[in-house]
Amino acid sequence: MIRHDSDVREPRAAEGEEMVSLMRLGVLDALRKHKVEGRSVVVWDQEAGQVVQLRPEVIVIPDETVEPGSA
């Protein structure tokens, strides 16, 4: 098959709020997977000023997520 220039698309970089939204979705996806698979996660506890381990049963996933570009 011959590729024409019109078939090739340059990747577009996400910017600003869209990047934050995409990162948030990635984190939520990772948290869901860890919870379902029974794996702990480590997070920074800002109040305690230290890294803490969260067991799967205490991982909280927000019910609503904002889809990229829908805010």
PDB file of N, CA and C in Angstrom:
ATOM      1  N   MET A   1       0.837  -1.171   0.000  1.00  0.00           N
ATOM      2  CA  MET A   1       0.000   0.000   0.000  1.00  0.00           C
ATOM      3  C   MET A   1       0.883   1.236   0.000  1.00  0.00           C
ATOM      4  N   ILE A   2       0.539   2.195  -0.793  1.00  0.00           N
ATOM      5  CA  ILE A   2       1.280   3.448  -0.869  1.00  0.00           C
ATOM      6  C   ILE A   2       0.652   4.451   0.088  1.00  0.00           C
ATOM      7  N   ARG A   3       1.490   5.054   0.937  1.00  0.00           N
ATOM      8  CA  ARG A   3       0.997   6.085   1.859  1.00  0.00           C
ATOM      9  C   ARG A   3       1.167   7.441   1.218  1.00  0.00           C
ATOM     10  N   HIS A   4       0.140   8.218   1.310  1.00  0.00           N
ATOM     11  CA  HIS A   4       0.181   9.587   0.821  1.00  0.00           C
ATOM     12  C   HIS A   4       0.334  10.521   2.008  1.00  0.00           C
ATOM     13  N   ASP A   5       0.879  11.696   1.769  1.00  0.00           N
ATOM     14  CA  ASP A   5       1.062  12.658   2.846  1.00  0.00           C
ATOM     15  C   ASP A   5      -0.234  12.943   3.594  1.00  0.00           C
ATOM     16  N   SER A   6      -1.343  12.892   2.913  1.00  0.00           N
ATOM     17  CA  SER A   6      -2.618  13.181   3.570  1.00  0.00           C
ATOM     18  C   SER A   6      -3.020  12.082   4.548  1.00  0.00           C
ATOM     19  N   ASP A   7      -2.377  10.881   4.460  1.00  0.00           N
ATOM     20  CA  ASP A   7      -2.679   9.783   5.374  1.00  0.00           C
ATOM     21  C   ASP A   7      -1.919   9.905   6.694  1.00  0.00           C
ATOM     22  N   VAL A   8      -0.898  10.728   6.723  1.00  0.00           N
ATOM     23  CA  VAL A   8      -0.042  10.842   7.899  1.00  0.00           C
ATOM     24  C   VAL A   8      -0.468  12.066   8.699  1.00  0.00           C
ATOM     25  N   ARG A   9      -0.732  11.842   9.979  1.00  0.00           N
ATOM     26  CA  ARG A   9      -1.121  12.956  10.848  1.00  0.00           C
ATOM     27  C   ARG A   9      -0.028  13.177  11.876  1.00  0.00           C
ATOM     28  N   GLU A  10       0.287  14.428  12.084  1.00  0.00           N
ATOM     29  CA  GLU A  10       1.257  14.785  13.109  1.00  0.00           C
ATOM     30  C   GLU A  10       0.579  14.647  14.473  1.00  0.00           C
ATOM     31  N   PRO A  11       1.292  14.078  15.447  1.00  0.00           N
ATOM     32  CA  PRO A  11       0.696  14.010  16.780  1.00  0.00           C
ATOM     33  C   PRO A  11       0.512  15.416  17.339  1.00  0.00           C
ATOM     34  N   ARG A  12      -0.612  15.616  18.011  1.00  0.00           N
ATOM     35  CA  ARG A  12      -0.901  16.924  18.590  1.00  0.00           C
ATOM     36  C   ARG A  12      -0.664  16.849  20.092  1.00  0.00           C
ATOM     37  N   ALA A  13       0.084  17.778  20.607  1.00  0.00           N
ATOM     38  CA  ALA A  13       0.357  17.802  22.042  1.00  0.00           C
ATOM     39  C   ALA A  13      -0.822  18.423  22.785  1.00  0.00           C
ATOM     40  N   ALA A  14      -1.216  17.774  23.870  1.00  0.00           N
ATOM     41  CA  ALA A  14      -2.257  18.342  24.721  1.00  0.00           C
ATOM     42  C   ALA A  14      -1.650  19.506  25.491  1.00  0.00           C
ATOM     43  N   GLU A  15      -2.460  20.506  25.770  1.00  0.00           N
ATOM     44  CA  GLU A  15      -1.957  21.682  26.469  1.00  0.00           C
ATOM     45  C   GLU A  15      -2.850  22.049  27.641  1.00  0.00           C
ATOM     46  N   GLY A  16      -2.274  22.714  28.608  1.00  0.00           N
ATOM     47  CA  GLY A  16      -2.998  23.320  29.714  1.00  0.00           C
ATOM     48  C   GLY A  16      -3.999  22.425  30.400  1.00  0.00           C
ATOM     49  N   GLU A  17      -5.250  22.898  30.428  1.00  0.00           N
ATOM     50  CA  GLU A  17      -6.315  22.185  31.131  1.00  0.00           C
ATOM     51  C   GLU A  17      -6.546  20.792  30.561  1.00  0.00           C
ATOM     52  N   GLU A  18      -6.378  20.646  29.256  1.00  0.00           N
ATOM     53  CA  GLU A  18      -6.568  19.332  28.644  1.00  0.00           C
ATOM     54  C   GLU A  18      -5.524  18.345  29.171  1.00  0.00           C
ATOM     55  N   MET A  19      -4.283  18.803  29.335  1.00  0.00           N
ATOM     56  CA  MET A  19      -3.222  17.943  29.854  1.00  0.00           C
ATOM     57  C   MET A  19      -3.539  17.512  31.287  1.00  0.00           C
ATOM     58  N   VAL A  20      -3.994  18.453  32.104  1.00  0.00           N
ATOM     59  CA  VAL A  20      -4.353  18.137  33.487  1.00  0.00           C
ATOM     60  C   VAL A  20      -5.487  17.115  33.506  1.00  0.00           C
ATOM     61  N   SER A  21      -6.479  17.297  32.656  1.00  0.00           N
ATOM     62  CA  SER A  21      -7.607  16.380  32.585  1.00  0.00           C
ATOM     63  C   SER A  21      -7.156  14.982  32.159  1.00  0.00           C
ATOM     64  N   LEU A  22      -6.279  14.910  31.164  1.00  0.00           N
ATOM     65  CA  LEU A  22      -5.771  13.614  30.704  1.00  0.00           C
ATOM     66  C   LEU A  22      -4.944  12.924  31.783  1.00  0.00           C
ATOM     67  N   MET A  23      -4.141  13.696  32.506  1.00  0.00           N
ATOM     68  CA  MET A  23      -3.348  13.111  33.591  1.00  0.00           C
ATOM     69  C   MET A  23      -4.256  12.595  34.699  1.00  0.00           C
ATOM     70  N   ARG A  24      -5.305  13.361  35.010  1.00  0.00           N
ATOM     71  CA  ARG A  24      -6.257  12.940  36.047  1.00  0.00           C
ATOM     72  C   ARG A  24      -6.924  11.614  35.653  1.00  0.00           C
ATOM     73  N   LEU A  25      -7.321  11.498  34.385  1.00  0.00           N
ATOM     74  CA  LEU A  25      -7.932  10.248  33.909  1.00  0.00           C
ATOM     75  C   LEU A  25      -6.953   9.086  34.017  1.00  0.00           C
ATOM     76  N   GLY A  26      -5.686   9.331  33.705  1.00  0.00           N
ATOM     77  CA  GLY A  26      -4.672   8.287  33.823  1.00  0.00           C
ATOM     78  C   GLY A  26      -4.491   7.826  35.255  1.00  0.00           C
ATOM     79  N   VAL A  27      -4.466   8.767  36.181  1.00  0.00           N
ATOM     80  CA  VAL A  27      -4.325   8.423  37.599  1.00  0.00           C
ATOM     81  C   VAL A  27      -5.542   7.639  38.077  1.00  0.00           C
ATOM     82  N   LEU A  28      -6.745   8.101  37.704  1.00  0.00           N
ATOM     83  CA  LEU A  28      -7.966   7.388  38.115  1.00  0.00           C
ATOM     84  C   LEU A  28      -7.995   5.968  37.557  1.00  0.00           C
ATOM     85  N   ASP A  29      -7.553   5.808  36.316  1.00  0.00           N
ATOM     86  CA  ASP A  29      -7.495   4.481  35.708  1.00  0.00           C
ATOM     87  C   ASP A  29      -6.530   3.579  36.476  1.00  0.00           C
ATOM     88  N   ALA A  30      -5.371   4.120  36.824  1.00  0.00           N
ATOM     89  CA  ALA A  30      -4.384   3.337  37.584  1.00  0.00           C
ATOM     90  C   ALA A  30      -4.930   2.963  38.960  1.00  0.00           C
ATOM     91  N   LEU A  31      -5.606   3.899  39.627  1.00  0.00           N
ATOM     92  CA  LEU A  31      -6.181   3.595  40.942  1.00  0.00           C
ATOM     93  C   LEU A  31      -7.249   2.509  40.845  1.00  0.00           C
ATOM     94  N   ARG A  32      -8.102   2.595  39.815  1.00  0.00           N
ATOM     95  CA  ARG A  32      -9.132   1.553  39.627  1.00  0.00           C
ATOM     96  C   ARG A  32      -8.491   0.184  39.447  1.00  0.00           C
ATOM     97  N   LYS A  33      -7.472   0.133  38.602  1.00  0.00           N
ATOM     98  CA  LYS A  33      -6.801  -1.149  38.342  1.00  0.00           C
ATOM     99  C   LYS A  33      -6.173  -1.704  39.615  1.00  0.00           C
ATOM    100  N   HIS A  34      -5.498  -0.855  40.372  1.00  0.00           N
ATOM    101  CA  HIS A  34      -4.882  -1.315  41.617  1.00  0.00           C
ATOM    102  C   HIS A  34      -5.944  -1.843  42.585  1.00  0.00           C
ATOM    103  N   LYS A  35      -7.051  -1.124  42.708  1.00  0.00           N
ATOM    104  CA  LYS A  35      -8.110  -1.538  43.622  1.00  0.00           C
ATOM    105  C   LYS A  35      -8.696  -2.891  43.205  1.00  0.00           C
ATOM    106  N   VAL A  36      -9.014  -3.029  41.917  1.00  0.00           N
ATOM    107  CA  VAL A  36      -9.602  -4.270  41.394  1.00  0.00           C
ATOM    108  C   VAL A  36      -8.639  -5.449  41.545  1.00  0.00           C
ATOM    109  N   GLU A  37      -7.359  -5.196  41.296  1.00  0.00           N
ATOM    110  CA  GLU A  37      -6.356  -6.270  41.362  1.00  0.00           C
ATOM    111  C   GLU A  37      -5.852  -6.526  42.778  1.00  0.00           C
ATOM    112  N   GLY A  38      -6.337  -5.729  43.749  1.00  0.00           N
ATOM    113  CA  GLY A  38      -5.939  -5.936  45.140  1.00  0.00           C
ATOM    114  C   GLY A  38      -4.521  -5.483  45.443  1.00  0.00           C
ATOM    115  N   ARG A  39      -4.047  -4.475  44.728  1.00  0.00           N
ATOM    116  CA  ARG A  39      -2.683  -3.980  44.946  1.00  0.00           C
ATOM    117  C   ARG A  39      -2.717  -2.628  45.637  1.00  0.00           C
ATOM    118  N   SER A  40      -1.794  -2.413  46.537  1.00  0.00           N
ATOM    119  CA  SER A  40      -1.673  -1.129  47.231  1.00  0.00           C
ATOM    120  C   SER A  40      -1.064  -0.083  46.309  1.00  0.00           C
ATOM    121  N   VAL A  41      -1.214   1.180  46.699  1.00  0.00           N
ATOM    122  CA  VAL A  41      -0.554   2.293  46.015  1.00  0.00           C
ATOM    123  C   VAL A  41       0.163   3.122  47.077  1.00  0.00           C
ATOM    124  N   VAL A  42       1.175   3.837  46.656  1.00  0.00           N
ATOM    125  CA  VAL A  42       1.831   4.763  47.563  1.00  0.00           C
ATOM    126  C   VAL A  42       1.527   6.181  47.106  1.00  0.00           C
ATOM    127  N   VAL A  43       1.282   7.053  48.079  1.00  0.00           N
ATOM    128  CA  VAL A  43       0.938   8.444  47.800  1.00  0.00           C
ATOM    129  C   VAL A  43       1.693   9.342  48.777  1.00  0.00           C
ATOM    130  N   TRP A  44       1.780  10.605  48.433  1.00  0.00           N
ATOM    131  CA  TRP A  44       2.383  11.580  49.327  1.00  0.00           C
ATOM    132  C   TRP A  44       1.295  12.145  50.237  1.00  0.00           C
ATOM    133  N   ASP A  45       1.473  12.014  51.549  1.00  0.00           N
ATOM    134  CA  ASP A  45       0.557  12.595  52.528  1.00  0.00           C
ATOM    135  C   ASP A  45       1.097  13.981  52.868  1.00  0.00           C
ATOM    136  N   GLN A  46       0.467  14.998  52.305  1.00  0.00           N
ATOM    137  CA  GLN A  46       0.961  16.358  52.452  1.00  0.00           C
ATOM    138  C   GLN A  46       0.938  16.813  53.907  1.00  0.00           C
ATOM    139  N   GLU A  47      -0.103  16.448  54.637  1.00  0.00           N
ATOM    140  CA  GLU A  47      -0.208  16.862  56.048  1.00  0.00           C
ATOM    141  C   GLU A  47       0.893  16.233  56.895  1.00  0.00           C
ATOM    142  N   ALA A  48       1.163  14.943  56.661  1.00  0.00           N
ATOM    143  CA  ALA A  48       2.184  14.247  57.438  1.00  0.00           C
ATOM    144  C   ALA A  48       3.586  14.498  56.891  1.00  0.00           C
ATOM    145  N   GLY A  49       3.671  14.947  55.638  1.00  0.00           N
ATOM    146  CA  GLY A  49       4.968  15.193  55.028  1.00  0.00           C
ATOM    147  C   GLY A  49       5.748  13.924  54.767  1.00  0.00           C
ATOM    148  N   GLN A  50       5.025  12.869  54.393  1.00  0.00           N
ATOM    149  CA  GLN A  50       5.699  11.592  54.138  1.00  0.00           C
ATOM    150  C   GLN A  50       4.917  10.741  53.145  1.00  0.00           C
ATOM    151  N   VAL A  51       5.598   9.743  52.614  1.00  0.00           N
ATOM    152  CA  VAL A  51       4.967   8.782  51.712  1.00  0.00           C
ATOM    153  C   VAL A  51       4.218   7.760  52.555  1.00  0.00           C
ATOM    154  N   VAL A  52       2.984   7.439  52.144  1.00  0.00           N
ATOM    155  CA  VAL A  52       2.202   6.419  52.851  1.00  0.00           C
ATOM    156  C   VAL A  52       1.680   5.396  51.845  1.00  0.00           C
ATOM    157  N   GLN A  53       1.465   4.191  52.329  1.00  0.00           N
ATOM    158  CA  GLN A  53       0.938   3.120  51.486  1.00  0.00           C
ATOM    159  C   GLN A  53      -0.552   2.971  51.766  1.00  0.00           C
ATOM    160  N   LEU A  54      -1.351   2.967  50.679  1.00  0.00           N
ATOM    161  CA  LEU A  54      -2.796   2.762  50.812  1.00  0.00           C
ATOM    162  C   LEU A  54      -3.141   1.345  50.383  1.00  0.00           C
ATOM    163  N   ARG A  55      -3.781   0.614  51.280  1.00  0.00           N
ATOM    164  CA  ARG A  55      -4.249  -0.729  50.948  1.00  0.00           C
ATOM    165  C   ARG A  55      -5.406  -0.603  49.959  1.00  0.00           C
ATOM    166  N   PRO A  56      -5.636  -1.606  49.131  1.00  0.00           N
ATOM    167  CA  PRO A  56      -6.698  -1.527  48.115  1.00  0.00           C
ATOM    168  C   PRO A  56      -8.073  -1.200  48.690  1.00  0.00           C
ATOM    169  N   GLU A  57      -8.379  -1.687  49.883  1.00  0.00           N
ATOM    170  CA  GLU A  57      -9.709  -1.464  50.453  1.00  0.00           C
ATOM    171  C   GLU A  57      -9.938  -0.017  50.901  1.00  0.00           C
ATOM    172  N   VAL A  58      -8.887   0.793  50.998  1.00  0.00           N
ATOM    173  CA  VAL A  58      -9.084   2.192  51.385  1.00  0.00           C
ATOM    174  C   VAL A  58      -8.901   3.157  50.207  1.00  0.00           C
ATOM    175  N   ILE A  59      -8.618   2.627  49.021  1.00  0.00           N
ATOM    176  CA  ILE A  59      -8.516   3.479  47.834  1.00  0.00           C
ATOM    177  C   ILE A  59      -9.921   3.941  47.466  1.00  0.00           C
ATOM    178  N   VAL A  60     -10.091   5.257  47.358  1.00  0.00           N
ATOM    179  CA  VAL A  60     -11.391   5.843  47.010  1.00  0.00           C
ATOM    180  C   VAL A  60     -11.312   6.381  45.596  1.00  0.00           C
ATOM    181  N   ILE A  61     -12.258   5.955  44.762  1.00  0.00           N
ATOM    182  CA  ILE A  61     -12.344   6.415  43.376  1.00  0.00           C
ATOM    183  C   ILE A  61     -13.558   7.333  43.278  1.00  0.00           C
ATOM    184  N   PRO A  62     -13.349   8.604  42.863  1.00  0.00           N
ATOM    185  CA  PRO A  62     -14.503   9.495  42.715  1.00  0.00           C
ATOM    186  C   PRO A  62     -15.491   8.936  41.692  1.00  0.00           C
ATOM    187  N   ASP A  63     -16.788   9.138  41.942  1.00  0.00           N
ATOM    188  CA  ASP A  63     -17.832   8.628  41.047  1.00  0.00           C
ATOM    189  C   ASP A  63     -17.827   9.311  39.701  1.00  0.00           C
ATOM    190  N   GLU A  64     -17.562  10.604  39.693  1.00  0.00           N
ATOM    191  CA  GLU A  64     -17.613  11.345  38.450  1.00  0.00           C
ATOM    192  C   GLU A  64     -16.215  11.778  38.029  1.00  0.00           C
ATOM    193  N   THR A  65     -15.951  11.634  36.735  1.00  0.00           N
ATOM    194  CA  THR A  65     -14.711  12.139  36.181  1.00  0.00           C
ATOM    195  C   THR A  65     -15.059  13.076  35.044  1.00  0.00           C
ATOM    196  N   VAL A  66     -14.210  14.005  34.793  1.00  0.00           N
ATOM    197  CA  VAL A  66     -14.414  14.957  33.713  1.00  0.00           C
ATOM    198  C   VAL A  66     -13.669  14.443  32.493  1.00  0.00           C
ATOM    199  N   GLU A  67     -14.394  14.249  31.400  1.00  0.00           N
ATOM    200  CA  GLU A  67     -13.777  13.796  30.164  1.00  0.00           C
ATOM    201  C   GLU A  67     -12.993  14.939  29.534  1.00  0.00           C
ATOM    202  N   PRO A  68     -11.894  14.629  28.856  1.00  0.00           N
ATOM    203  CA  PRO A  68     -11.117  15.694  28.214  1.00  0.00           C
ATOM    204  C   PRO A  68     -11.973  16.524  27.274  1.00  0.00           C
ATOM    205  N   GLY A  69     -11.853  17.845  27.390  1.00  0.00           N
ATOM    206  CA  GLY A  69     -12.565  18.743  26.503  1.00  0.00           C
ATOM    207  C   GLY A  69     -14.014  18.988  26.846  1.00  0.00           C
ATOM    208  N   SER A  70     -14.507  18.409  27.958  1.00  0.00           N
ATOM    209  CA  SER A  70     -15.921  18.573  28.278  1.00  0.00           C
ATOM    210  C   SER A  70     -16.166  19.539  29.433  1.00  0.00           C
ATOM    211  N   ALA A  71     -15.124  20.174  29.949  1.00  0.00           N
ATOM    212  CA  ALA A  71     -15.292  21.049  31.105  1.00  0.00           C
ATOM    213  C   ALA A  71     -15.805  22.400  30.752  1.00  0.00           C
TER     214      ALA A  71
END
